[in-house]
Amino acid sequence: MAIIWLIPVPNRKPPTTGIYLCPIYKTLTRAGTLSTTGHSTNYVIAVEIPTSKSQRHWIKQGVALICALDF
């Protein structure tokens, strides 16, 4: 994946179509769930990746980004 620059924009309206809301994890292990958010303890943030396919397609493929350099 290319470098992602996160630029904060006040009151931004996220697009409803044409994106995959891709989760980013610290490591390959997605085990352990936080009771407060329901996310994995390795979850960092989700980023919007432009796509012509539905979110369902990418979710079924198990697509996620990983911060770890070594796996």
PDB file of N, CA and C in Angstrom:
ATOM      1  N   MET A   1       0.846  -1.180   0.000  1.00  0.00           N
ATOM      2  CA  MET A   1       0.000   0.000   0.000  1.00  0.00           C
ATOM      3  C   MET A   1       0.887   1.236   0.000  1.00  0.00           C
ATOM      4  N   ALA A   2       0.464   2.240  -0.683  1.00  0.00           N
ATOM      5  CA  ALA A   2       1.206   3.503  -0.719  1.00  0.00           C
ATOM      6  C   ALA A   2       1.102   4.219   0.629  1.00  0.00           C
ATOM      7  N   ILE A   3       1.946   5.201   0.820  1.00  0.00           N
ATOM      8  CA  ILE A   3       1.884   6.017   2.034  1.00  0.00           C
ATOM      9  C   ILE A   3       0.546   6.744   2.064  1.00  0.00           C
ATOM     10  N   ILE A   4      -0.066   6.783   3.244  1.00  0.00           N
ATOM     11  CA  ILE A   4      -1.360   7.459   3.400  1.00  0.00           C
ATOM     12  C   ILE A   4      -1.152   8.700   4.248  1.00  0.00           C
ATOM     13  N   TRP A   5      -1.516   9.837   3.700  1.00  0.00           N
ATOM     14  CA  TRP A   5      -1.432  11.095   4.433  1.00  0.00           C
ATOM     15  C   TRP A   5      -2.806  11.380   5.023  1.00  0.00           C
ATOM     16  N   LEU A   6      -2.865  11.531   6.341  1.00  0.00           N
ATOM     17  CA  LEU A   6      -4.128  11.833   7.014  1.00  0.00           C
ATOM     18  C   LEU A   6      -4.187  13.335   7.262  1.00  0.00           C
ATOM     19  N   ILE A   7      -5.114  13.986   6.594  1.00  0.00           N
ATOM     20  CA  ILE A   7      -5.266  15.431   6.721  1.00  0.00           C
ATOM     21  C   ILE A   7      -6.630  15.714   7.347  1.00  0.00           C
ATOM     22  N   PRO A   8      -6.649  16.260   8.563  1.00  0.00           N
ATOM     23  CA  PRO A   8      -7.930  16.535   9.210  1.00  0.00           C
ATOM     24  C   PRO A   8      -8.688  17.666   8.505  1.00  0.00           C
ATOM     25  N   VAL A   9      -9.973  17.460   8.320  1.00  0.00           N
ATOM     26  CA  VAL A   9     -10.840  18.456   7.688  1.00  0.00           C
ATOM     27  C   VAL A   9     -12.055  18.646   8.595  1.00  0.00           C
ATOM     28  N   PRO A  10     -12.289  19.860   9.089  1.00  0.00           N
ATOM     29  CA  PRO A  10     -13.435  20.067   9.978  1.00  0.00           C
ATOM     30  C   PRO A  10     -14.763  19.885   9.240  1.00  0.00           C
ATOM     31  N   ASN A  11     -15.709  19.238   9.907  1.00  0.00           N
ATOM     32  CA  ASN A  11     -17.081  19.054   9.406  1.00  0.00           C
ATOM     33  C   ASN A  11     -17.148  18.375   8.045  1.00  0.00           C
ATOM     34  N   ARG A  12     -16.228  17.465   7.790  1.00  0.00           N
ATOM     35  CA  ARG A  12     -16.198  16.736   6.517  1.00  0.00           C
ATOM     36  C   ARG A  12     -17.316  15.709   6.463  1.00  0.00           C
ATOM     37  N   LYS A  13     -17.993  15.624   5.334  1.00  0.00           N
ATOM     38  CA  LYS A  13     -19.039  14.627   5.126  1.00  0.00           C
ATOM     39  C   LYS A  13     -18.418  13.451   4.361  1.00  0.00           C
ATOM     40  N   PRO A  14     -18.325  12.267   4.981  1.00  0.00           N
ATOM     41  CA  PRO A  14     -17.717  11.126   4.289  1.00  0.00           C
ATOM     42  C   PRO A  14     -18.590  10.652   3.131  1.00  0.00           C
ATOM     43  N   PRO A  15     -17.968  10.178   2.052  1.00  0.00           N
ATOM     44  CA  PRO A  15     -18.747   9.677   0.922  1.00  0.00           C
ATOM     45  C   PRO A  15     -19.488   8.402   1.312  1.00  0.00           C
ATOM     46  N   THR A  16     -20.641   8.171   0.705  1.00  0.00           N
ATOM     47  CA  THR A  16     -21.434   6.987   1.023  1.00  0.00           C
ATOM     48  C   THR A  16     -21.214   5.862   0.021  1.00  0.00           C
ATOM     49  N   THR A  17     -20.674   6.176  -1.153  1.00  0.00           N
ATOM     50  CA  THR A  17     -20.418   5.152  -2.161  1.00  0.00           C
ATOM     51  C   THR A  17     -19.018   5.351  -2.747  1.00  0.00           C
ATOM     52  N   GLY A  18     -18.516   4.302  -3.401  1.00  0.00           N
ATOM     53  CA  GLY A  18     -17.233   4.399  -4.079  1.00  0.00           C
ATOM     54  C   GLY A  18     -16.017   4.277  -3.180  1.00  0.00           C
ATOM     55  N   ILE A  19     -16.222   3.807  -1.934  1.00  0.00           N
ATOM     56  CA  ILE A  19     -15.095   3.639  -1.015  1.00  0.00           C
ATOM     57  C   ILE A  19     -15.216   2.316  -0.270  1.00  0.00           C
ATOM     58  N   TYR A  20     -14.067   1.821   0.180  1.00  0.00           N
ATOM     59  CA  TYR A  20     -14.046   0.700   1.121  1.00  0.00           C
ATOM     60  C   TYR A  20     -13.464   1.249   2.409  1.00  0.00           C
ATOM     61  N   LEU A  21     -14.193   1.123   3.494  1.00  0.00           N
ATOM     62  CA  LEU A  21     -13.738   1.584   4.789  1.00  0.00           C
ATOM     63  C   LEU A  21     -12.827   0.502   5.361  1.00  0.00           C
ATOM     64  N   CYS A  22     -11.540   0.602   5.050  1.00  0.00           N
ATOM     65  CA  CYS A  22     -10.557  -0.439   5.340  1.00  0.00           C
ATOM     66  C   CYS A  22      -9.966  -0.277   6.745  1.00  0.00           C
ATOM     67  N   PRO A  23     -10.062  -1.312   7.583  1.00  0.00           N
ATOM     68  CA  PRO A  23      -9.473  -1.231   8.923  1.00  0.00           C
ATOM     69  C   PRO A  23      -7.957  -1.356   8.883  1.00  0.00           C
ATOM     70  N   ILE A  24      -7.289  -0.683   9.808  1.00  0.00           N
ATOM     71  CA  ILE A  24      -5.838  -0.795   9.961  1.00  0.00           C
ATOM     72  C   ILE A  24      -5.576  -1.422  11.325  1.00  0.00           C
ATOM     73  N   TYR A  25      -4.697  -2.437  11.338  1.00  0.00           N
ATOM     74  CA  TYR A  25      -4.334  -3.133  12.564  1.00  0.00           C
ATOM     75  C   TYR A  25      -2.837  -2.981  12.820  1.00  0.00           C
ATOM     76  N   LYS A  26      -2.442  -3.062  14.101  1.00  0.00           N
ATOM     77  CA  LYS A  26      -1.027  -2.971  14.470  1.00  0.00           C
ATOM     78  C   LYS A  26      -0.264  -4.205  14.022  1.00  0.00           C
ATOM     79  N   THR A  27      -0.843  -5.383  14.203  1.00  0.00           N
ATOM     80  CA  THR A  27      -0.189  -6.644  13.862  1.00  0.00           C
ATOM     81  C   THR A  27      -1.159  -7.525  13.086  1.00  0.00           C
ATOM     82  N   LEU A  28      -0.692  -8.665  12.613  1.00  0.00           N
ATOM     83  CA  LEU A  28      -1.540  -9.598  11.873  1.00  0.00           C
ATOM     84  C   LEU A  28      -2.620 -10.228  12.739  1.00  0.00           C
ATOM     85  N   THR A  29      -2.379 -10.321  14.047  1.00  0.00           N
ATOM     86  CA  THR A  29      -3.341 -10.941  14.950  1.00  0.00           C
ATOM     87  C   THR A  29      -4.506  -9.997  15.201  1.00  0.00           C
ATOM     88  N   ARG A  30      -5.711 -10.461  14.891  1.00  0.00           N
ATOM     89  CA  ARG A  30      -6.903  -9.638  15.125  1.00  0.00           C
ATOM     90  C   ARG A  30      -7.668 -10.118  16.346  1.00  0.00           C
ATOM     91  N   ALA A  31      -7.036 -10.964  17.159  1.00  0.00           N
ATOM     92  CA  ALA A  31      -7.688 -11.531  18.340  1.00  0.00           C
ATOM     93  C   ALA A  31      -7.829 -10.497  19.444  1.00  0.00           C
ATOM     94  N   GLY A  32      -8.711 -10.788  20.376  1.00  0.00           N
ATOM     95  CA  GLY A  32      -8.941  -9.905  21.518  1.00  0.00           C
ATOM     96  C   GLY A  32      -9.871  -8.774  21.140  1.00  0.00           C
ATOM     97  N   THR A  33     -10.978  -8.652  21.834  1.00  0.00           N
ATOM     98  CA  THR A  33     -11.977  -7.630  21.512  1.00  0.00           C
ATOM     99  C   THR A  33     -12.176  -6.705  22.694  1.00  0.00           C
ATOM    100  N   LEU A  34     -12.167  -5.416  22.431  1.00  0.00           N
ATOM    101  CA  LEU A  34     -12.446  -4.433  23.476  1.00  0.00           C
ATOM    102  C   LEU A  34     -13.942  -4.414  23.753  1.00  0.00           C
ATOM    103  N   SER A  35     -14.306  -4.451  25.011  1.00  0.00           N
ATOM    104  CA  SER A  35     -15.725  -4.445  25.360  1.00  0.00           C
ATOM    105  C   SER A  35     -16.373  -3.091  25.078  1.00  0.00           C
ATOM    106  N   THR A  36     -15.572  -2.021  25.044  1.00  0.00           N
ATOM    107  CA  THR A  36     -16.131  -0.679  24.831  1.00  0.00           C
ATOM    108  C   THR A  36     -16.467  -0.391  23.376  1.00  0.00           C
ATOM    109  N   THR A  37     -15.629  -0.862  22.434  1.00  0.00           N
ATOM    110  CA  THR A  37     -15.847  -0.548  21.021  1.00  0.00           C
ATOM    111  C   THR A  37     -16.232  -1.758  20.179  1.00  0.00           C
ATOM    112  N   GLY A  38     -15.890  -2.960  20.645  1.00  0.00           N
ATOM    113  CA  GLY A  38     -16.147  -4.157  19.866  1.00  0.00           C
ATOM    114  C   GLY A  38     -15.074  -4.437  18.837  1.00  0.00           C
ATOM    115  N   HIS A  39     -14.080  -3.551  18.740  1.00  0.00           N
ATOM    116  CA  HIS A  39     -12.969  -3.734  17.807  1.00  0.00           C
ATOM    117  C   HIS A  39     -11.882  -4.586  18.443  1.00  0.00           C
ATOM    118  N   SER A  40     -11.003  -5.124  17.590  1.00  0.00           N
ATOM    119  CA  SER A  40      -9.846  -5.868  18.061  1.00  0.00           C
ATOM    120  C   SER A  40      -8.944  -4.943  18.866  1.00  0.00           C
ATOM    121  N   THR A  41      -8.194  -5.524  19.801  1.00  0.00           N
ATOM    122  CA  THR A  41      -7.263  -4.717  20.598  1.00  0.00           C
ATOM    123  C   THR A  41      -6.115  -4.199  19.743  1.00  0.00           C
ATOM    124  N   ASN A  42      -5.932  -4.764  18.538  1.00  0.00           N
ATOM    125  CA  ASN A  42      -4.896  -4.299  17.612  1.00  0.00           C
ATOM    126  C   ASN A  42      -5.412  -3.269  16.611  1.00  0.00           C
ATOM    127  N   TYR A  43      -6.683  -2.952  16.665  1.00  0.00           N
ATOM    128  CA  TYR A  43      -7.307  -2.011  15.723  1.00  0.00           C
ATOM    129  C   TYR A  43      -6.750  -0.607  15.944  1.00  0.00           C
ATOM    130  N   VAL A  44      -6.431   0.093  14.845  1.00  0.00           N
ATOM    131  CA  VAL A  44      -5.903   1.456  14.943  1.00  0.00           C
ATOM    132  C   VAL A  44      -6.954   2.457  14.463  1.00  0.00           C
ATOM    133  N   ILE A  45      -7.333   2.363  13.200  1.00  0.00           N
ATOM    134  CA  ILE A  45      -8.271   3.300  12.583  1.00  0.00           C
ATOM    135  C   ILE A  45      -8.742   2.681  11.261  1.00  0.00           C
ATOM    136  N   ALA A  46      -9.758   3.240  10.667  1.00  0.00           N
ATOM    137  CA  ALA A  46     -10.196   2.808   9.336  1.00  0.00           C
ATOM    138  C   ALA A  46      -9.943   3.945   8.353  1.00  0.00           C
ATOM    139  N   VAL A  47      -9.537   3.591   7.135  1.00  0.00           N
ATOM    140  CA  VAL A  47      -9.296   4.597   6.103  1.00  0.00           C
ATOM    141  C   VAL A  47     -10.202   4.319   4.909  1.00  0.00           C
ATOM    142  N   GLU A  48     -10.568   5.372   4.210  1.00  0.00           N
ATOM    143  CA  GLU A  48     -11.411   5.257   3.022  1.00  0.00           C
ATOM    144  C   GLU A  48     -10.538   4.993   1.803  1.00  0.00           C
ATOM    145  N   ILE A  49     -10.716   3.839   1.185  1.00  0.00           N
ATOM    146  CA  ILE A  49      -9.965   3.495  -0.017  1.00  0.00           C
ATOM    147  C   ILE A  49     -10.927   3.515  -1.197  1.00  0.00           C
ATOM    148  N   PRO A  50     -10.654   4.322  -2.220  1.00  0.00           N
ATOM    149  CA  PRO A  50     -11.538   4.375  -3.392  1.00  0.00           C
ATOM    150  C   PRO A  50     -11.628   3.018  -4.087  1.00  0.00           C
ATOM    151  N   THR A  51     -12.825   2.635  -4.496  1.00  0.00           N
ATOM    152  CA  THR A  51     -13.037   1.360  -5.171  1.00  0.00           C
ATOM    153  C   THR A  51     -14.305   1.400  -6.011  1.00  0.00           C
ATOM    154  N   SER A  52     -14.336   0.550  -7.020  1.00  0.00           N
ATOM    155  CA  SER A  52     -15.548   0.431  -7.827  1.00  0.00           C
ATOM    156  C   SER A  52     -16.383  -0.770  -7.363  1.00  0.00           C
ATOM    157  N   LYS A  53     -15.835  -1.555  -6.426  1.00  0.00           N
ATOM    158  CA  LYS A  53     -16.548  -2.717  -5.898  1.00  0.00           C
ATOM    159  C   LYS A  53     -17.214  -2.366  -4.574  1.00  0.00           C
ATOM    160  N   SER A  54     -18.161  -3.188  -4.166  1.00  0.00           N
ATOM    161  CA  SER A  54     -18.896  -2.917  -2.921  1.00  0.00           C
ATOM    162  C   SER A  54     -18.032  -3.236  -1.700  1.00  0.00           C
ATOM    163  N   GLN A  55     -18.409  -2.672  -0.564  1.00  0.00           N
ATOM    164  CA  GLN A  55     -17.711  -2.963   0.690  1.00  0.00           C
ATOM    165  C   GLN A  55     -17.794  -4.452   0.990  1.00  0.00           C
ATOM    166  N   ARG A  56     -18.930  -5.063   0.699  1.00  0.00           N
ATOM    167  CA  ARG A  56     -19.154  -6.492   0.953  1.00  0.00           C
ATOM    168  C   ARG A  56     -18.065  -7.338   0.280  1.00  0.00           C
ATOM    169  N   HIS A  57     -17.692  -6.966  -0.933  1.00  0.00           N
ATOM    170  CA  HIS A  57     -16.646  -7.700  -1.664  1.00  0.00           C
ATOM    171  C   HIS A  57     -15.349  -7.724  -0.871  1.00  0.00           C
ATOM    172  N   TRP A  58     -14.908  -6.572  -0.390  1.00  0.00           N
ATOM    173  CA  TRP A  58     -13.635  -6.466   0.322  1.00  0.00           C
ATOM    174  C   TRP A  58     -13.701  -7.125   1.691  1.00  0.00           C
ATOM    175  N   ILE A  59     -14.851  -7.034   2.340  1.00  0.00           N
ATOM    176  CA  ILE A  59     -15.015  -7.671   3.647  1.00  0.00           C
ATOM    177  C   ILE A  59     -14.941  -9.186   3.501  1.00  0.00           C
ATOM    178  N   LYS A  60     -15.601  -9.728   2.480  1.00  0.00           N
ATOM    179  CA  LYS A  60     -15.556 -11.180   2.246  1.00  0.00           C
ATOM    180  C   LYS A  60     -14.129 -11.655   1.950  1.00  0.00           C
ATOM    181  N   GLN A  61     -13.324 -10.802   1.325  1.00  0.00           N
ATOM    182  CA  GLN A  61     -11.925 -11.134   1.027  1.00  0.00           C
ATOM    183  C   GLN A  61     -11.035 -10.988   2.262  1.00  0.00           C
ATOM    184  N   GLY A  62     -11.544 -10.351   3.315  1.00  0.00           N
ATOM    185  CA  GLY A  62     -10.762 -10.162   4.538  1.00  0.00           C
ATOM    186  C   GLY A  62      -9.685  -9.104   4.398  1.00  0.00           C
ATOM    187  N   VAL A  63      -9.913  -8.115   3.551  1.00  0.00           N
ATOM    188  CA  VAL A  63      -8.904  -7.090   3.281  1.00  0.00           C
ATOM    189  C   VAL A  63      -8.758  -6.134   4.457  1.00  0.00           C
ATOM    190  N   ALA A  64      -7.506  -5.951   4.889  1.00  0.00           N
ATOM    191  CA  ALA A  64      -7.184  -5.004   5.970  1.00  0.00           C
ATOM    192  C   ALA A  64      -5.746  -4.545   5.757  1.00  0.00           C
ATOM    193  N   LEU A  65      -5.394  -3.433   6.351  1.00  0.00           N
ATOM    194  CA  LEU A  65      -4.016  -2.938   6.306  1.00  0.00           C
ATOM    195  C   LEU A  65      -3.347  -3.264   7.638  1.00  0.00           C
ATOM    196  N   ILE A  66      -2.053  -3.541   7.578  1.00  0.00           N
ATOM    197  CA  ILE A  66      -1.283  -3.920   8.764  1.00  0.00           C
ATOM    198  C   ILE A  66      -0.104  -2.961   8.917  1.00  0.00           C
ATOM    199  N   CYS A  67       0.133  -2.470  10.137  1.00  0.00           N
ATOM    200  CA  CYS A  67       1.240  -1.543  10.401  1.00  0.00           C
ATOM    201  C   CYS A  67       2.578  -2.254  10.564  1.00  0.00           C
ATOM    202  N   ALA A  68       2.559  -3.550  10.847  1.00  0.00           N
ATOM    203  CA  ALA A  68       3.794  -4.302  11.097  1.00  0.00           C
ATOM    204  C   ALA A  68       4.672  -4.354   9.850  1.00  0.00           C
ATOM    205  N   LEU A  69       5.973  -4.160  10.019  1.00  0.00           N
ATOM    206  CA  LEU A  69       6.901  -4.247   8.915  1.00  0.00           C
ATOM    207  C   LEU A  69       7.290  -5.688   8.626  1.00  0.00           C
ATOM    208  N   ASP A  70       7.345  -6.499   9.668  1.00  0.00           N
ATOM    209  CA  ASP A  70       7.731  -7.899   9.553  1.00  0.00           C
ATOM    210  C   ASP A  70       6.539  -8.785   9.834  1.00  0.00           C
ATOM    211  N   PHE A  71       6.268  -9.726   8.980  1.00  0.00           N
ATOM    212  CA  PHE A  71       5.159 -10.639   9.275  1.00  0.00           C
ATOM    213  C   PHE A  71       5.506 -12.022   8.976  1.00  0.00           C
TER     214      PHE A  71
END
